[in-house]
Amino acid sequence: NQKLIAGGFYLIGLLSVLFQASSSEINYT
């Protein structure tokens, strides 16, 4: 269960950082 929670947080965090890196506008939030 802890691995699933950590993996979920990791995937969501990584996707949001990669989405921000690929967009042209800077959204620090």
PDB file of all heavy atoms in Angstrom:
ATOM      1  N   ASN A   1       0.822  -1.213   0.000  1.00  0.00           N
ATOM      2  CA  ASN A   1       0.000   0.000   0.000  1.00  0.00           C
ATOM      3  C   ASN A   1       0.850   1.254   0.000  1.00  0.00           C
ATOM      4  O   ASN A   1       0.539   2.227  -0.695  1.00  0.00           O
ATOM      5  CB  ASN A   1      -0.934  -0.001   1.209  1.00  0.00           C
ATOM      6  CG  ASN A   1      -2.011  -1.052   1.100  1.00  0.00           C
ATOM      7  OD1 ASN A   1      -2.381  -1.463   0.005  1.00  0.00           O
ATOM      8  ND2 ASN A   1      -2.501  -1.509   2.237  1.00  0.00           N
ATOM      9  N   GLN A   2       1.930   1.242   0.772  1.00  0.00           N
ATOM     10  CA  GLN A   2       2.822   2.399   0.792  1.00  0.00           C
ATOM     11  C   GLN A   2       3.505   2.585  -0.555  1.00  0.00           C
ATOM     12  O   GLN A   2       3.721   3.710  -0.993  1.00  0.00           O
ATOM     13  CB  GLN A   2       3.862   2.242   1.893  1.00  0.00           C
ATOM     14  CG  GLN A   2       3.291   2.363   3.284  1.00  0.00           C
ATOM     15  CD  GLN A   2       4.321   2.030   4.344  1.00  0.00           C
ATOM     16  OE1 GLN A   2       5.286   1.315   4.103  1.00  0.00           O
ATOM     17  NE2 GLN A   2       4.099   2.549   5.535  1.00  0.00           N
ATOM     18  N   LYS A   3       3.839   1.487  -1.216  1.00  0.00           N
ATOM     19  CA  LYS A   3       4.444   1.587  -2.547  1.00  0.00           C
ATOM     20  C   LYS A   3       3.458   2.180  -3.548  1.00  0.00           C
ATOM     21  O   LYS A   3       3.841   2.990  -4.394  1.00  0.00           O
ATOM     22  CB  LYS A   3       4.914   0.216  -3.021  1.00  0.00           C
ATOM     23  CG  LYS A   3       6.187  -0.237  -2.386  1.00  0.00           C
ATOM     24  CD  LYS A   3       6.653  -1.519  -3.010  1.00  0.00           C
ATOM     25  CE  LYS A   3       7.956  -1.945  -2.407  1.00  0.00           C
ATOM     26  NZ  LYS A   3       8.553  -3.095  -3.078  1.00  0.00           N
ATOM     27  N   LEU A   4       2.190   1.789  -3.448  1.00  0.00           N
ATOM     28  CA  LEU A   4       1.177   2.350  -4.350  1.00  0.00           C
ATOM     29  C   LEU A   4       0.978   3.844  -4.097  1.00  0.00           C
ATOM     30  O   LEU A   4       0.843   4.628  -5.042  1.00  0.00           O
ATOM     31  CB  LEU A   4      -0.142   1.602  -4.192  1.00  0.00           C
ATOM     32  CG  LEU A   4      -0.173   0.182  -4.745  1.00  0.00           C
ATOM     33  CD1 LEU A   4      -1.491  -0.495  -4.389  1.00  0.00           C
ATOM     34  CD2 LEU A   4       0.030   0.193  -6.241  1.00  0.00           C
ATOM     35  N   ILE A   5       0.960   4.245  -2.846  1.00  0.00           N
ATOM     36  CA  ILE A   5       0.802   5.665  -2.510  1.00  0.00           C
ATOM     37  C   ILE A   5       2.005   6.468  -3.008  1.00  0.00           C
ATOM     38  O   ILE A   5       1.848   7.521  -3.639  1.00  0.00           O
ATOM     39  CB  ILE A   5       0.598   5.838  -0.995  1.00  0.00           C
ATOM     40  CG1 ILE A   5      -0.756   5.280  -0.583  1.00  0.00           C
ATOM     41  CG2 ILE A   5       0.709   7.305  -0.586  1.00  0.00           C
ATOM     42  CD1 ILE A   5      -0.943   5.156   0.909  1.00  0.00           C
ATOM     43  N   ALA A   6       3.204   5.961  -2.741  1.00  0.00           N
ATOM     44  CA  ALA A   6       4.411   6.661  -3.191  1.00  0.00           C
ATOM     45  C   ALA A   6       4.475   6.726  -4.713  1.00  0.00           C
ATOM     46  O   ALA A   6       4.837   7.758  -5.283  1.00  0.00           O
ATOM     47  CB  ALA A   6       5.651   5.971  -2.633  1.00  0.00           C
ATOM     48  N   GLY A   7       4.108   5.632  -5.377  1.00  0.00           N
ATOM     49  CA  GLY A   7       4.106   5.624  -6.837  1.00  0.00           C
ATOM     50  C   GLY A   7       3.081   6.583  -7.427  1.00  0.00           C
ATOM     51  O   GLY A   7       3.338   7.243  -8.427  1.00  0.00           O
ATOM     52  N   GLY A   8       1.922   6.670  -6.791  1.00  0.00           N
ATOM     53  CA  GLY A   8       0.905   7.618  -7.262  1.00  0.00           C
ATOM     54  C   GLY A   8       1.346   9.063  -7.121  1.00  0.00           C
ATOM     55  O   GLY A   8       1.203   9.867  -8.049  1.00  0.00           O
ATOM     56  N   PHE A   9       1.889   9.397  -5.958  1.00  0.00           N
ATOM     57  CA  PHE A   9       2.409  10.758  -5.762  1.00  0.00           C
ATOM     58  C   PHE A   9       3.530  11.056  -6.747  1.00  0.00           C
ATOM     59  O   PHE A   9       3.614  12.155  -7.299  1.00  0.00           O
ATOM     60  CB  PHE A   9       2.930  10.954  -4.335  1.00  0.00           C
ATOM     61  CG  PHE A   9       1.862  11.266  -3.326  1.00  0.00           C
ATOM     62  CD1 PHE A   9       1.787  10.559  -2.138  1.00  0.00           C
ATOM     63  CD2 PHE A   9       0.949  12.270  -3.540  1.00  0.00           C
ATOM     64  CE1 PHE A   9       0.824  10.832  -1.201  1.00  0.00           C
ATOM     65  CE2 PHE A   9      -0.028  12.565  -2.618  1.00  0.00           C
ATOM     66  CZ  PHE A   9      -0.096  11.848  -1.450  1.00  0.00           C
ATOM     67  N   TYR A  10       4.396  10.066  -6.977  1.00  0.00           N
ATOM     68  CA  TYR A  10       5.517  10.259  -7.898  1.00  0.00           C
ATOM     69  C   TYR A  10       5.020  10.519  -9.319  1.00  0.00           C
ATOM     70  O   TYR A  10       5.487  11.442  -9.979  1.00  0.00           O
ATOM     71  CB  TYR A  10       6.432   9.035  -7.870  1.00  0.00           C
ATOM     72  CG  TYR A  10       7.587   9.134  -8.826  1.00  0.00           C
ATOM     73  CD1 TYR A  10       8.695   9.899  -8.515  1.00  0.00           C
ATOM     74  CD2 TYR A  10       7.563   8.474 -10.052  1.00  0.00           C
ATOM     75  CE1 TYR A  10       9.752  10.007  -9.397  1.00  0.00           C
ATOM     76  CE2 TYR A  10       8.609   8.564 -10.933  1.00  0.00           C
ATOM     77  CZ  TYR A  10       9.708   9.330 -10.599  1.00  0.00           C
ATOM     78  OH  TYR A  10      10.745   9.447 -11.477  1.00  0.00           O
ATOM     79  N   LEU A  11       4.084   9.698  -9.784  1.00  0.00           N
ATOM     80  CA  LEU A  11       3.587   9.869 -11.158  1.00  0.00           C
ATOM     81  C   LEU A  11       2.855  11.194 -11.351  1.00  0.00           C
ATOM     82  O   LEU A  11       3.071  11.885 -12.345  1.00  0.00           O
ATOM     83  CB  LEU A  11       2.680   8.702 -11.537  1.00  0.00           C
ATOM     84  CG  LEU A  11       3.376   7.392 -11.837  1.00  0.00           C
ATOM     85  CD1 LEU A  11       2.357   6.301 -12.110  1.00  0.00           C
ATOM     86  CD2 LEU A  11       4.296   7.550 -13.030  1.00  0.00           C
ATOM     87  N   ILE A  12       2.006  11.560 -10.401  1.00  0.00           N
ATOM     88  CA  ILE A  12       1.277  12.827 -10.524  1.00  0.00           C
ATOM     89  C   ILE A  12       2.234  14.008 -10.476  1.00  0.00           C
ATOM     90  O   ILE A  12       2.121  14.956 -11.252  1.00  0.00           O
ATOM     91  CB  ILE A  12       0.193  12.933  -9.440  1.00  0.00           C
ATOM     92  CG1 ILE A  12      -0.881  11.868  -9.662  1.00  0.00           C
ATOM     93  CG2 ILE A  12      -0.442  14.325  -9.431  1.00  0.00           C
ATOM     94  CD1 ILE A  12      -1.850  11.730  -8.512  1.00  0.00           C
ATOM     95  N   GLY A  13       3.203  13.954  -9.559  1.00  0.00           N
ATOM     96  CA  GLY A  13       4.184  15.031  -9.459  1.00  0.00           C
ATOM     97  C   GLY A  13       5.050  15.134 -10.695  1.00  0.00           C
ATOM     98  O   GLY A  13       5.314  16.233 -11.190  1.00  0.00           O
ATOM     99  N   LEU A  14       5.504  13.987 -11.205  1.00  0.00           N
ATOM    100  CA  LEU A  14       6.338  14.002 -12.400  1.00  0.00           C
ATOM    101  C   LEU A  14       5.568  14.508 -13.613  1.00  0.00           C
ATOM    102  O   LEU A  14       6.093  15.293 -14.409  1.00  0.00           O
ATOM    103  CB  LEU A  14       6.886  12.604 -12.664  1.00  0.00           C
ATOM    104  CG  LEU A  14       7.920  12.482 -13.769  1.00  0.00           C
ATOM    105  CD1 LEU A  14       9.196  13.217 -13.373  1.00  0.00           C
ATOM    106  CD2 LEU A  14       8.214  11.030 -14.049  1.00  0.00           C
ATOM    107  N   LEU A  15       4.322  14.089 -13.756  1.00  0.00           N
ATOM    108  CA  LEU A  15       3.524  14.564 -14.882  1.00  0.00           C
ATOM    109  C   LEU A  15       3.261  16.056 -14.808  1.00  0.00           C
ATOM    110  O   LEU A  15       3.293  16.754 -15.826  1.00  0.00           O
ATOM    111  CB  LEU A  15       2.204  13.794 -14.957  1.00  0.00           C
ATOM    112  CG  LEU A  15       2.306  12.346 -15.409  1.00  0.00           C
ATOM    113  CD1 LEU A  15       0.946  11.662 -15.325  1.00  0.00           C
ATOM    114  CD2 LEU A  15       2.856  12.271 -16.817  1.00  0.00           C
ATOM    115  N   SER A  16       3.024  16.587 -13.605  1.00  0.00           N
ATOM    116  CA  SER A  16       2.774  18.030 -13.501  1.00  0.00           C
ATOM    117  C   SER A  16       4.043  18.836 -13.773  1.00  0.00           C
ATOM    118  O   SER A  16       3.987  19.896 -14.401  1.00  0.00           O
ATOM    119  CB  SER A  16       2.192  18.379 -12.129  1.00  0.00           C
ATOM    120  OG  SER A  16       3.113  18.090 -11.111  1.00  0.00           O
ATOM    121  N   VAL A  17       5.189  18.331 -13.346  1.00  0.00           N
ATOM    122  CA  VAL A  17       6.448  19.038 -13.637  1.00  0.00           C
ATOM    123  C   VAL A  17       6.758  18.964 -15.126  1.00  0.00           C
ATOM    124  O   VAL A  17       7.166  19.961 -15.732  1.00  0.00           O
ATOM    125  CB  VAL A  17       7.599  18.454 -12.784  1.00  0.00           C
ATOM    126  CG1 VAL A  17       8.943  18.961 -13.259  1.00  0.00           C
ATOM    127  CG2 VAL A  17       7.401  18.798 -11.321  1.00  0.00           C
ATOM    128  N   LEU A  18       6.572  17.795 -15.736  1.00  0.00           N
ATOM    129  CA  LEU A  18       6.829  17.672 -17.175  1.00  0.00           C
ATOM    130  C   LEU A  18       5.851  18.492 -18.005  1.00  0.00           C
ATOM    131  O   LEU A  18       6.229  19.078 -19.028  1.00  0.00           O
ATOM    132  CB  LEU A  18       6.775  16.210 -17.594  1.00  0.00           C
ATOM    133  CG  LEU A  18       7.919  15.332 -17.103  1.00  0.00           C
ATOM    134  CD1 LEU A  18       7.684  13.894 -17.513  1.00  0.00           C
ATOM    135  CD2 LEU A  18       9.245  15.840 -17.621  1.00  0.00           C
ATOM    136  N   PHE A  19       4.596  18.564 -17.570  1.00  0.00           N
ATOM    137  CA  PHE A  19       3.617  19.398 -18.269  1.00  0.00           C
ATOM    138  C   PHE A  19       4.021  20.861 -18.187  1.00  0.00           C
ATOM    139  O   PHE A  19       3.930  21.594 -19.171  1.00  0.00           O
ATOM    140  CB  PHE A  19       2.226  19.192 -17.676  1.00  0.00           C
ATOM    141  CG  PHE A  19       1.181  20.057 -18.309  1.00  0.00           C
ATOM    142  CD1 PHE A  19       0.713  19.775 -19.572  1.00  0.00           C
ATOM    143  CD2 PHE A  19       0.680  21.162 -17.643  1.00  0.00           C
ATOM    144  CE1 PHE A  19      -0.254  20.571 -20.167  1.00  0.00           C
ATOM    145  CE2 PHE A  19      -0.275  21.970 -18.220  1.00  0.00           C
ATOM    146  CZ  PHE A  19      -0.742  21.673 -19.490  1.00  0.00           C
ATOM    147  N   GLN A  20       4.474  21.293 -17.029  1.00  0.00           N
ATOM    148  CA  GLN A  20       4.907  22.687 -16.866  1.00  0.00           C
ATOM    149  C   GLN A  20       6.154  22.952 -17.709  1.00  0.00           C
ATOM    150  O   GLN A  20       6.286  24.014 -18.290  1.00  0.00           O
ATOM    151  CB  GLN A  20       5.198  22.987 -15.392  1.00  0.00           C
ATOM    152  CG  GLN A  20       5.767  24.358 -15.140  1.00  0.00           C
ATOM    153  CD  GLN A  20       4.873  25.464 -15.660  1.00  0.00           C
ATOM    154  OE1 GLN A  20       3.665  25.385 -15.565  1.00  0.00           O
ATOM    155  NE2 GLN A  20       5.478  26.488 -16.220  1.00  0.00           N
ATOM    156  N   ALA A  21       7.071  21.998 -17.783  1.00  0.00           N
ATOM    157  CA  ALA A  21       8.284  22.187 -18.572  1.00  0.00           C
ATOM    158  C   ALA A  21       7.991  22.255 -20.065  1.00  0.00           C
ATOM    159  O   ALA A  21       8.709  22.934 -20.802  1.00  0.00           O
ATOM    160  CB  ALA A  21       9.268  21.055 -18.285  1.00  0.00           C
ATOM    161  N   SER A  22       6.945  21.576 -20.499  1.00  0.00           N
ATOM    162  CA  SER A  22       6.632  21.576 -21.927  1.00  0.00           C
ATOM    163  C   SER A  22       5.757  22.752 -22.351  1.00  0.00           C
ATOM    164  O   SER A  22       5.655  23.042 -23.527  1.00  0.00           O
ATOM    165  CB  SER A  22       5.939  20.272 -22.310  1.00  0.00           C
ATOM    166  OG  SER A  22       4.675  20.197 -21.680  1.00  0.00           O
ATOM    167  N   SER A  23       5.131  23.434 -21.398  1.00  0.00           N
ATOM    168  CA  SER A  23       4.277  24.568 -21.773  1.00  0.00           C
ATOM    169  C   SER A  23       5.110  25.828 -21.933  1.00  0.00           C
ATOM    170  O   SER A  23       6.189  25.975 -21.358  1.00  0.00           O
ATOM    171  CB  SER A  23       3.190  24.793 -20.718  1.00  0.00           C
ATOM    172  OG  SER A  23       3.766  25.233 -19.511  1.00  0.00           O
ATOM    173  N   SER A  24       4.602  26.761 -22.727  1.00  0.00           N
ATOM    174  CA  SER A  24       5.347  27.994 -23.003  1.00  0.00           C
ATOM    175  C   SER A  24       5.135  29.046 -21.917  1.00  0.00           C
ATOM    176  O   SER A  24       5.963  29.933 -21.760  1.00  0.00           O
ATOM    177  CB  SER A  24       4.943  28.555 -24.368  1.00  0.00           C
ATOM    178  OG  SER A  24       3.545  28.839 -24.372  1.00  0.00           O
ATOM    179  N   GLU A  25       4.039  28.967 -21.203  1.00  0.00           N
ATOM    180  CA  GLU A  25       3.777  29.921 -20.126  1.00  0.00           C
ATOM    181  C   GLU A  25       4.327  29.393 -18.811  1.00  0.00           C
ATOM    182  O   GLU A  25       4.303  28.199 -18.544  1.00  0.00           O
ATOM    183  CB  GLU A  25       2.277  30.163 -19.983  1.00  0.00           C
ATOM    184  CG  GLU A  25       1.641  30.770 -21.203  1.00  0.00           C
ATOM    185  CD  GLU A  25       0.143  30.942 -21.020  1.00  0.00           C
ATOM    186  OE1 GLU A  25      -0.341  30.754 -19.901  1.00  0.00           O
ATOM    187  OE2 GLU A  25      -0.516  31.240 -22.016  1.00  0.00           O
ATOM    188  N   ILE A  26       4.816  30.298 -17.990  1.00  0.00           N
ATOM    189  CA  ILE A  26       5.368  29.907 -16.698  1.00  0.00           C
ATOM    190  C   ILE A  26       4.264  29.973 -15.655  1.00  0.00           C
ATOM    191  O   ILE A  26       3.668  31.015 -15.411  1.00  0.00           O
ATOM    192  CB  ILE A  26       6.541  30.817 -16.299  1.00  0.00           C
ATOM    193  CG1 ILE A  26       7.682  30.655 -17.299  1.00  0.00           C
ATOM    194  CG2 ILE A  26       7.019  30.483 -14.894  1.00  0.00           C
ATOM    195  CD1 ILE A  26       8.837  31.598 -17.065  1.00  0.00           C
ATOM    196  N   ASN A  27       3.968  28.840 -15.045  1.00  0.00           N
ATOM    197  CA  ASN A  27       2.977  28.745 -13.977  1.00  0.00           C
ATOM    198  C   ASN A  27       3.674  28.111 -12.785  1.00  0.00           C
ATOM    199  O   ASN A  27       3.827  26.896 -12.707  1.00  0.00           O
ATOM    200  CB  ASN A  27       1.784  27.894 -14.426  1.00  0.00           C
ATOM    201  CG  ASN A  27       0.698  27.854 -13.391  1.00  0.00           C
ATOM    202  OD1 ASN A  27       0.805  28.481 -12.345  1.00  0.00           O
ATOM    203  ND2 ASN A  27      -0.348  27.107 -13.684  1.00  0.00           N
ATOM    204  N   TYR A  28       4.124  28.959 -11.865  1.00  0.00           N
ATOM    205  CA  TYR A  28       4.895  28.449 -10.734  1.00  0.00           C
ATOM    206  C   TYR A  28       4.042  27.623  -9.778  1.00  0.00           C
ATOM    207  O   TYR A  28       4.575  26.769  -9.077  1.00  0.00           O
ATOM    208  CB  TYR A  28       5.566  29.600  -9.986  1.00  0.00           C
ATOM    209  CG  TYR A  28       6.691  30.222 -10.775  1.00  0.00           C
ATOM    210  CD1 TYR A  28       6.576  31.496 -11.302  1.00  0.00           C
ATOM    211  CD2 TYR A  28       7.856  29.515 -11.004  1.00  0.00           C
ATOM    212  CE1 TYR A  28       7.604  32.061 -12.032  1.00  0.00           C
ATOM    213  CE2 TYR A  28       8.890  30.059 -11.740  1.00  0.00           C
ATOM    214  CZ  TYR A  28       8.764  31.338 -12.240  1.00  0.00           C
ATOM    215  OH  TYR A  28       9.778  31.876 -12.956  1.00  0.00           O
ATOM    216  N   THR A  29       2.755  27.844  -9.747  1.00  0.00           N
ATOM    217  CA  THR A  29       1.891  27.077  -8.857  1.00  0.00           C
ATOM    218  C   THR A  29       1.908  25.599  -9.237  1.00  0.00           C
ATOM    219  O   THR A  29       2.030  24.730  -8.366  1.00  0.00           O
ATOM    220  CB  THR A  29       0.453  27.615  -8.913  1.00  0.00           C
ATOM    221  OG1 THR A  29       0.466  29.009  -8.647  1.00  0.00           O
ATOM    222  CG2 THR A  29      -0.424  26.907  -7.920  1.00  0.00           C
TER     223      THR A  29
END
